[in-house]
PDB file of N, CA and C in Angstrom:
ATOM      1  N   MET A   1      74.102 -49.039  43.714  1.00  0.00           N
ATOM      2  CA  MET A   1      73.453 -49.834  45.051  1.00  0.00           C
ATOM      3  C   MET A   1      73.702 -49.003  45.987  1.00  0.00           C
ATOM      4  N   GLN A   2      72.641 -48.812  46.815  1.00  0.00           N
ATOM      5  CA  GLN A   2      73.091 -47.999  48.088  1.00  0.00           C
ATOM      6  C   GLN A   2      74.324 -49.269  48.955  1.00  0.00           C
ATOM      7  N   ILE A   3      74.624 -49.158  49.846  1.00  0.00           N
ATOM      8  CA  ILE A   3      75.368 -49.821  51.100  1.00  0.00           C
ATOM      9  C   ILE A   3      75.027 -49.332  52.581  1.00  0.00           C
ATOM     10  N   PRO A   4      74.541 -50.079  52.979  1.00  0.00           N
ATOM     11  CA  PRO A   4      74.418 -49.628  54.349  1.00  0.00           C
ATOM     12  C   PRO A   4      75.570 -49.380  55.068  1.00  0.00           C
ATOM     13  N   TRP A   5      76.166 -48.406  55.203  1.00  0.00           N
ATOM     14  CA  TRP A   5      77.123 -48.401  55.969  1.00  0.00           C
ATOM     15  C   TRP A   5      77.268 -48.656  57.569  1.00  0.00           C
ATOM     16  N   GLN A   6      76.448 -49.203  58.131  1.00  0.00           N
ATOM     17  CA  GLN A   6      75.802 -49.463  59.492  1.00  0.00           C
ATOM     18  C   GLN A   6      76.316 -50.863  59.469  1.00  0.00           C
ATOM     19  N   GLN A   7      76.061 -51.815  58.863  1.00  0.00           N
ATOM     20  CA  GLN A   7      76.583 -53.235  58.085  1.00  0.00           C
ATOM     21  C   GLN A   7      77.604 -53.557  57.764  1.00  0.00           C
ATOM     22  N   LEU A   8      78.621 -52.562  57.421  1.00  0.00           N
ATOM     23  CA  LEU A   8      80.397 -52.595  57.339  1.00  0.00           C
ATOM     24  C   LEU A   8      80.929 -53.139  58.991  1.00  0.00           C
ATOM     25  N   ASP A   9      82.216 -54.012  58.724  1.00  0.00           N
ATOM     26  CA  ASP A   9      82.880 -54.198  59.518  1.00  0.00           C
ATOM     27  C   ASP A   9      84.036 -52.633  59.866  1.00  0.00           C
ATOM     28  N   PRO A  10      83.248 -51.627  61.041  1.00  0.00           N
ATOM     29  CA  PRO A  10      84.137 -50.465  61.173  1.00  0.00           C
ATOM     30  C   PRO A  10      85.643 -50.708  61.186  1.00  0.00           C
ATOM     31  N   GLN A  11      86.379 -51.636  60.772  1.00  0.00           N
ATOM     32  CA  GLN A  11      88.007 -51.523  60.328  1.00  0.00           C
ATOM     33  C   GLN A  11      87.758 -50.950  58.369  1.00  0.00           C
ATOM     34  N   THR A  12      86.578 -52.210  58.173  1.00  0.00           N
ATOM     35  CA  THR A  12      86.108 -52.087  56.722  1.00  0.00           C
ATOM     36  C   THR A  12      85.870 -50.359  56.448  1.00  0.00           C
ATOM     37  N   LEU A  13      85.084 -49.796  56.817  1.00  0.00           N
ATOM     38  CA  LEU A  13      84.836 -48.347  57.285  1.00  0.00           C
ATOM     39  C   LEU A  13      85.125 -47.693  56.991  1.00  0.00           C
ATOM     40  N   ASP A  14      86.427 -47.659  57.821  1.00  0.00           N
ATOM     41  CA  ASP A  14      87.679 -46.571  58.214  1.00  0.00           C
ATOM     42  C   ASP A  14      88.273 -46.753  56.740  1.00  0.00           C
ATOM     43  N   ALA A  15      88.504 -47.865  56.067  1.00  0.00           N
ATOM     44  CA  ALA A  15      89.618 -48.074  54.991  1.00  0.00           C
ATOM     45  C   ALA A  15      89.075 -47.778  53.718  1.00  0.00           C
ATOM     46  N   ILE A  16      87.553 -47.500  53.755  1.00  0.00           N
ATOM     47  CA  ILE A  16      87.007 -46.838  52.801  1.00  0.00           C
ATOM     48  C   ILE A  16      86.792 -45.791  52.098  1.00  0.00           C
ATOM     49  N   ILE A  17      86.814 -45.170  53.961  1.00  0.00           N
ATOM     50  CA  ILE A  17      86.651 -43.694  54.073  1.00  0.00           C
ATOM     51  C   ILE A  17      87.882 -42.997  53.830  1.00  0.00           C
ATOM     52  N   GLU A  18      88.977 -43.778  54.075  1.00  0.00           N
ATOM     53  CA  GLU A  18      90.646 -42.973  54.091  1.00  0.00           C
ATOM     54  C   GLU A  18      91.030 -42.997  52.376  1.00  0.00           C
ATOM     55  N   SER A  19      90.435 -44.248  51.713  1.00  0.00           N
ATOM     56  CA  SER A  19      90.966 -44.582  50.446  1.00  0.00           C
ATOM     57  C   SER A  19      90.320 -43.067  50.122  1.00  0.00           C
ATOM     58  N   PHE A  20      89.111 -42.990  50.203  1.00  0.00           N
ATOM     59  CA  PHE A  20      88.279 -41.869  49.366  1.00  0.00           C
ATOM     60  C   PHE A  20      88.613 -40.580  49.975  1.00  0.00           C
ATOM     61  N   VAL A  21      89.136 -40.231  50.861  1.00  0.00           N
ATOM     62  CA  VAL A  21      89.923 -38.973  51.359  1.00  0.00           C
ATOM     63  C   VAL A  21      91.203 -38.643  50.487  1.00  0.00           C
ATOM     64  N   LEU A  22      91.944 -40.056  50.392  1.00  0.00           N
ATOM     65  CA  LEU A  22      93.222 -39.244  50.020  1.00  0.00           C
ATOM     66  C   LEU A  22      93.140 -39.391  48.457  1.00  0.00           C
ATOM     67  N   ARG A  23      91.878 -40.290  47.976  1.00  0.00           N
ATOM     68  CA  ARG A  23      91.986 -39.823  46.740  1.00  0.00           C
ATOM     69  C   ARG A  23      91.449 -38.530  45.824  1.00  0.00           C
ATOM     70  N   GLU A  24      90.575 -38.558  47.093  1.00  0.00           N
ATOM     71  CA  GLU A  24      89.145 -36.864  46.312  1.00  0.00           C
ATOM     72  C   GLU A  24      90.357 -35.921  46.308  1.00  0.00           C
ATOM     73  N   GLY A  25      91.222 -35.900  46.846  1.00  0.00           N
ATOM     74  CA  GLY A  25      92.472 -34.285  46.836  1.00  0.00           C
ATOM     75  C   GLY A  25      91.483 -32.884  46.720  1.00  0.00           C
ATOM     76  N   THR A  26      90.767 -32.859  47.385  1.00  0.00           N
ATOM     77  CA  THR A  26      89.595 -31.651  48.135  1.00  0.00           C
ATOM     78  C   THR A  26      90.425 -30.750  48.394  1.00  0.00           C
ATOM     79  N   ASP A  27      89.829 -29.346  48.470  1.00  0.00           N
ATOM     80  CA  ASP A  27      90.369 -28.135  48.793  1.00  0.00           C
ATOM     81  C   ASP A  27      90.226 -27.518  49.905  1.00  0.00           C
ATOM     82  N   TYR A  28      90.636 -27.265  50.842  1.00  0.00           N
ATOM     83  CA  TYR A  28      90.184 -27.197  52.272  1.00  0.00           C
ATOM     84  C   TYR A  28      90.105 -25.907  53.030  1.00  0.00           C
ATOM     85  N   GLY A  29      90.786 -24.758  51.972  1.00  0.00           N
ATOM     86  CA  GLY A  29      91.344 -23.750  52.038  1.00  0.00           C
ATOM     87  C   GLY A  29      92.167 -22.995  52.564  1.00  0.00           C
ATOM     88  N   ASP A  30      92.425 -21.927  53.350  1.00  0.00           N
ATOM     89  CA  ASP A  30      93.471 -21.933  54.586  1.00  0.00           C
ATOM     90  C   ASP A  30      93.702 -22.737  55.348  1.00  0.00           C
ATOM     91  N   GLU A  31      93.141 -23.045  55.494  1.00  0.00           N
ATOM     92  CA  GLU A  31      93.327 -24.377  56.764  1.00  0.00           C
ATOM     93  C   GLU A  31      93.317 -25.947  56.456  1.00  0.00           C
ATOM     94  N   GLU A  32      94.872 -26.573  56.640  1.00  0.00           N
ATOM     95  CA  GLU A  32      94.427 -27.792  56.056  1.00  0.00           C
ATOM     96  C   GLU A  32      94.075 -28.716  57.174  1.00  0.00           C
ATOM     97  N   LYS A  33      93.529 -29.697  56.839  1.00  0.00           N
ATOM     98  CA  LYS A  33      93.010 -30.769  57.890  1.00  0.00           C
ATOM     99  C   LYS A  33      93.853 -31.900  58.062  1.00  0.00           C
ATOM    100  N   SER A  34      93.943 -32.269  58.883  1.00  0.00           N
ATOM    101  CA  SER A  34      94.893 -33.813  58.757  1.00  0.00           C
ATOM    102  C   SER A  34      93.927 -35.030  58.547  1.00  0.00           C
ATOM    103  N   LEU A  35      94.698 -35.972  58.305  1.00  0.00           N
ATOM    104  CA  LEU A  35      93.585 -37.069  57.454  1.00  0.00           C
ATOM    105  C   LEU A  35      92.854 -37.397  58.800  1.00  0.00           C
ATOM    106  N   ALA A  36      93.133 -37.983  59.951  1.00  0.00           N
ATOM    107  CA  ALA A  36      92.164 -38.082  60.888  1.00  0.00           C
ATOM    108  C   ALA A  36      90.919 -37.131  60.960  1.00  0.00           C
ATOM    109  N   GLU A  37      91.249 -35.584  60.784  1.00  0.00           N
ATOM    110  CA  GLU A  37      90.268 -35.082  60.440  1.00  0.00           C
ATOM    111  C   GLU A  37      89.234 -34.723  59.292  1.00  0.00           C
ATOM    112  N   LYS A  38      90.158 -35.512  58.002  1.00  0.00           N
ATOM    113  CA  LYS A  38      89.287 -35.391  57.163  1.00  0.00           C
ATOM    114  C   LYS A  38      88.326 -36.661  57.069  1.00  0.00           C
ATOM    115  N   VAL A  39      88.419 -38.118  57.506  1.00  0.00           N
ATOM    116  CA  VAL A  39      87.995 -39.610  57.746  1.00  0.00           C
ATOM    117  C   VAL A  39      86.846 -39.066  59.334  1.00  0.00           C
ATOM    118  N   ALA A  40      87.105 -38.274  59.821  1.00  0.00           N
ATOM    119  CA  ALA A  40      86.216 -37.757  60.822  1.00  0.00           C
ATOM    120  C   ALA A  40      84.987 -36.963  59.981  1.00  0.00           C
ATOM    121  N   ASP A  41      85.441 -36.272  59.561  1.00  0.00           N
ATOM    122  CA  ASP A  41      84.369 -35.327  58.601  1.00  0.00           C
ATOM    123  C   ASP A  41      83.458 -36.595  57.875  1.00  0.00           C
ATOM    124  N   VAL A  42      83.923 -37.388  57.095  1.00  0.00           N
ATOM    125  CA  VAL A  42      83.397 -38.516  56.547  1.00  0.00           C
ATOM    126  C   VAL A  42      82.399 -38.987  56.913  1.00  0.00           C
ATOM    127  N   HIS A  43      83.016 -39.453  58.418  1.00  0.00           N
ATOM    128  CA  HIS A  43      82.124 -40.622  59.269  1.00  0.00           C
ATOM    129  C   HIS A  43      80.612 -39.316  59.745  1.00  0.00           C
ATOM    130  N   ALA A  44      81.060 -38.496  59.616  1.00  0.00           N
ATOM    131  CA  ALA A  44      79.368 -37.522  60.461  1.00  0.00           C
ATOM    132  C   ALA A  44      78.750 -37.534  59.419  1.00  0.00           C
ATOM    133  N   GLN A  45      79.346 -36.998  57.940  1.00  0.00           N
ATOM    134  CA  GLN A  45      78.542 -37.421  57.124  1.00  0.00           C
ATOM    135  C   GLN A  45      77.539 -38.264  56.644  1.00  0.00           C
ATOM    136  N   LEU A  46      78.180 -39.647  56.631  1.00  0.00           N
ATOM    137  CA  LEU A  46      77.856 -40.618  56.802  1.00  0.00           C
ATOM    138  C   LEU A  46      76.365 -41.300  58.109  1.00  0.00           C
ATOM    139  N   ARG A  47      76.659 -40.605  58.741  1.00  0.00           N
ATOM    140  CA  ARG A  47      76.523 -40.780  60.148  1.00  0.00           C
ATOM    141  C   ARG A  47      74.655 -39.597  60.175  1.00  0.00           C
ATOM    142  N   SER A  48      74.768 -38.491  59.713  1.00  0.00           N
ATOM    143  CA  SER A  48      73.912 -37.517  59.158  1.00  0.00           C
ATOM    144  C   SER A  48      72.717 -37.983  58.253  1.00  0.00           C
ATOM    145  N   GLY A  49      73.597 -38.764  57.747  1.00  0.00           N
ATOM    146  CA  GLY A  49      72.892 -39.318  56.141  1.00  0.00           C
ATOM    147  C   GLY A  49      73.060 -38.055  55.164  1.00  0.00           C
ATOM    148  N   GLU A  50      73.962 -37.105  55.212  1.00  0.00           N
ATOM    149  CA  GLU A  50      74.019 -36.211  53.842  1.00  0.00           C
ATOM    150  C   GLU A  50      75.234 -36.542  53.058  1.00  0.00           C
ATOM    151  N   ALA A  51      75.743 -38.251  52.916  1.00  0.00           N
ATOM    152  CA  ALA A  51      76.348 -38.901  52.078  1.00  0.00           C
ATOM    153  C   ALA A  51      76.455 -40.193  52.460  1.00  0.00           C
ATOM    154  N   ILE A  52      76.648 -41.351  51.086  1.00  0.00           N
ATOM    155  CA  ILE A  52      76.515 -42.342  51.006  1.00  0.00           C
ATOM    156  C   ILE A  52      77.241 -43.204  50.773  1.00  0.00           C
ATOM    157  N   LEU A  53      76.905 -44.833  50.496  1.00  0.00           N
ATOM    158  CA  LEU A  53      77.945 -45.314  50.392  1.00  0.00           C
ATOM    159  C   LEU A  53      77.462 -46.021  49.289  1.00  0.00           C
ATOM    160  N   VAL A  54      78.307 -46.127  47.925  1.00  0.00           N
ATOM    161  CA  VAL A  54      77.431 -46.509  46.781  1.00  0.00           C
ATOM    162  C   VAL A  54      78.068 -47.881  45.928  1.00  0.00           C
ATOM    163  N   TRP A  55      77.861 -49.070  45.739  1.00  0.00           N
ATOM    164  CA  TRP A  55      78.191 -49.902  44.880  1.00  0.00           C
ATOM    165  C   TRP A  55      78.319 -49.402  43.558  1.00  0.00           C
ATOM    166  N   SER A  56      79.248 -49.560  42.628  1.00  0.00           N
ATOM    167  CA  SER A  56      78.885 -49.522  41.535  1.00  0.00           C
ATOM    168  C   SER A  56      79.338 -50.941  40.370  1.00  0.00           C
ATOM    169  N   GLU A  57      77.984 -52.068  39.852  1.00  0.00           N
ATOM    170  CA  GLU A  57      78.183 -52.824  39.685  1.00  0.00           C
ATOM    171  C   GLU A  57      79.345 -52.882  38.101  1.00  0.00           C
ATOM    172  N   LEU A  58      79.547 -51.664  38.085  1.00  0.00           N
ATOM    173  CA  LEU A  58      80.065 -51.506  36.218  1.00  0.00           C
ATOM    174  C   LEU A  58      81.141 -51.419  36.327  1.00  0.00           C
ATOM    175  N   HIS A  59      81.495 -50.469  37.592  1.00  0.00           N
ATOM    176  CA  HIS A  59      82.858 -50.549  37.737  1.00  0.00           C
ATOM    177  C   HIS A  59      83.795 -51.890  38.525  1.00  0.00           C
ATOM    178  N   GLU A  60      82.584 -52.164  39.966  1.00  0.00           N
ATOM    179  CA  GLU A  60      82.524 -52.879  40.871  1.00  0.00           C
ATOM    180  C   GLU A  60      84.005 -52.283  41.829  1.00  0.00           C
ATOM    181  N   THR A  61      83.510 -50.821  41.969  1.00  0.00           N
ATOM    182  CA  THR A  61      84.074 -49.725  43.748  1.00  0.00           C
ATOM    183  C   THR A  61      82.987 -49.631  43.960  1.00  0.00           C
ATOM    184  N   VAL A  62      83.344 -49.173  45.079  1.00  0.00           N
ATOM    185  CA  VAL A  62      82.332 -48.847  46.230  1.00  0.00           C
ATOM    186  C   VAL A  62      82.800 -47.233  46.433  1.00  0.00           C
ATOM    187  N   ASN A  63      81.851 -45.938  46.213  1.00  0.00           N
ATOM    188  CA  ASN A  63      82.653 -44.940  46.131  1.00  0.00           C
ATOM    189  C   ASN A  63      81.432 -44.028  47.153  1.00  0.00           C
ATOM    190  N   ILE A  64      82.013 -43.359  47.954  1.00  0.00           N
ATOM    191  CA  ILE A  64      81.481 -42.197  48.770  1.00  0.00           C
ATOM    192  C   ILE A  64      80.875 -40.957  48.037  1.00  0.00           C
ATOM    193  N   MET A  65      79.302 -40.336  48.287  1.00  0.00           N
ATOM    194  CA  MET A  65      78.601 -39.355  47.753  1.00  0.00           C
ATOM    195  C   MET A  65      77.658 -38.883  48.252  1.00  0.00           C
ATOM    196  N   PRO A  66      77.311 -37.773  47.836  1.00  0.00           N
ATOM    197  CA  PRO A  66      76.113 -36.593  48.522  1.00  0.00           C
ATOM    198  C   PRO A  66      75.281 -37.786  48.477  1.00  0.00           C
ATOM    199  N   ARG A  67      74.052 -37.337  49.544  1.00  0.00           N
ATOM    200  CA  ARG A  67      72.671 -38.484  49.122  1.00  0.00           C
ATOM    201  C   ARG A  67      72.389 -37.513  47.808  1.00  0.00           C
ATOM    202  N   ASP A  68      72.386 -36.159  47.544  1.00  0.00           N
ATOM    203  CA  ASP A  68      71.705 -35.449  46.949  1.00  0.00           C
ATOM    204  C   ASP A  68      72.116 -35.895  44.998  1.00  0.00           C
ATOM    205  N   ASP A  69      73.163 -36.407  45.499  1.00  0.00           N
ATOM    206  CA  ASP A  69      73.892 -36.667  44.228  1.00  0.00           C
ATOM    207  C   ASP A  69      73.720 -38.110  43.524  1.00  0.00           C
ATOM    208  N   PHE A  70      72.723 -39.077  44.504  1.00  0.00           N
ATOM    209  CA  PHE A  70      72.527 -39.967  44.005  1.00  0.00           C
ATOM    210  C   PHE A  70      71.001 -40.146  43.563  1.00  0.00           C
ATOM    211  N   GLY A  71      70.550 -40.627  42.087  1.00  0.00           N
ATOM    212  CA  GLY A  71      69.966 -40.677  41.628  1.00  0.00           C
ATOM    213  C   GLY A  71      69.349 -42.198  41.951  1.00  0.00           C
ATOM    214  N   ASP A  72      67.935 -42.614  41.582  1.00  0.00           N
ATOM    215  CA  ASP A  72      67.436 -43.579  41.673  1.00  0.00           C
ATOM    216  C   ASP A  72      67.548 -44.529  40.469  1.00  0.00           C
ATOM    217  N   GLU A  73      67.735 -45.780  40.883  1.00  0.00           N
ATOM    218  CA  GLU A  73      68.635 -46.525  39.995  1.00  0.00           C
ATOM    219  C   GLU A  73      67.356 -47.614  39.409  1.00  0.00           C
TER     220      GLU A  73
END
């Protein structure tokens, strides 16, 4: 189920994004980005609609994923 990020408290959203960024282990190429830069990137992706927040009822977890990867359930 998709969660509208705009309805979350800003501190809660920041905590979700930070947790996501820290667990992903994404390779940023030759230039390493700071945690703040990574969090800002995810914020921008949510604002643009590129990424969405998704609640998994099965796992009882929130995840961030590309909109294109989210299938209709």
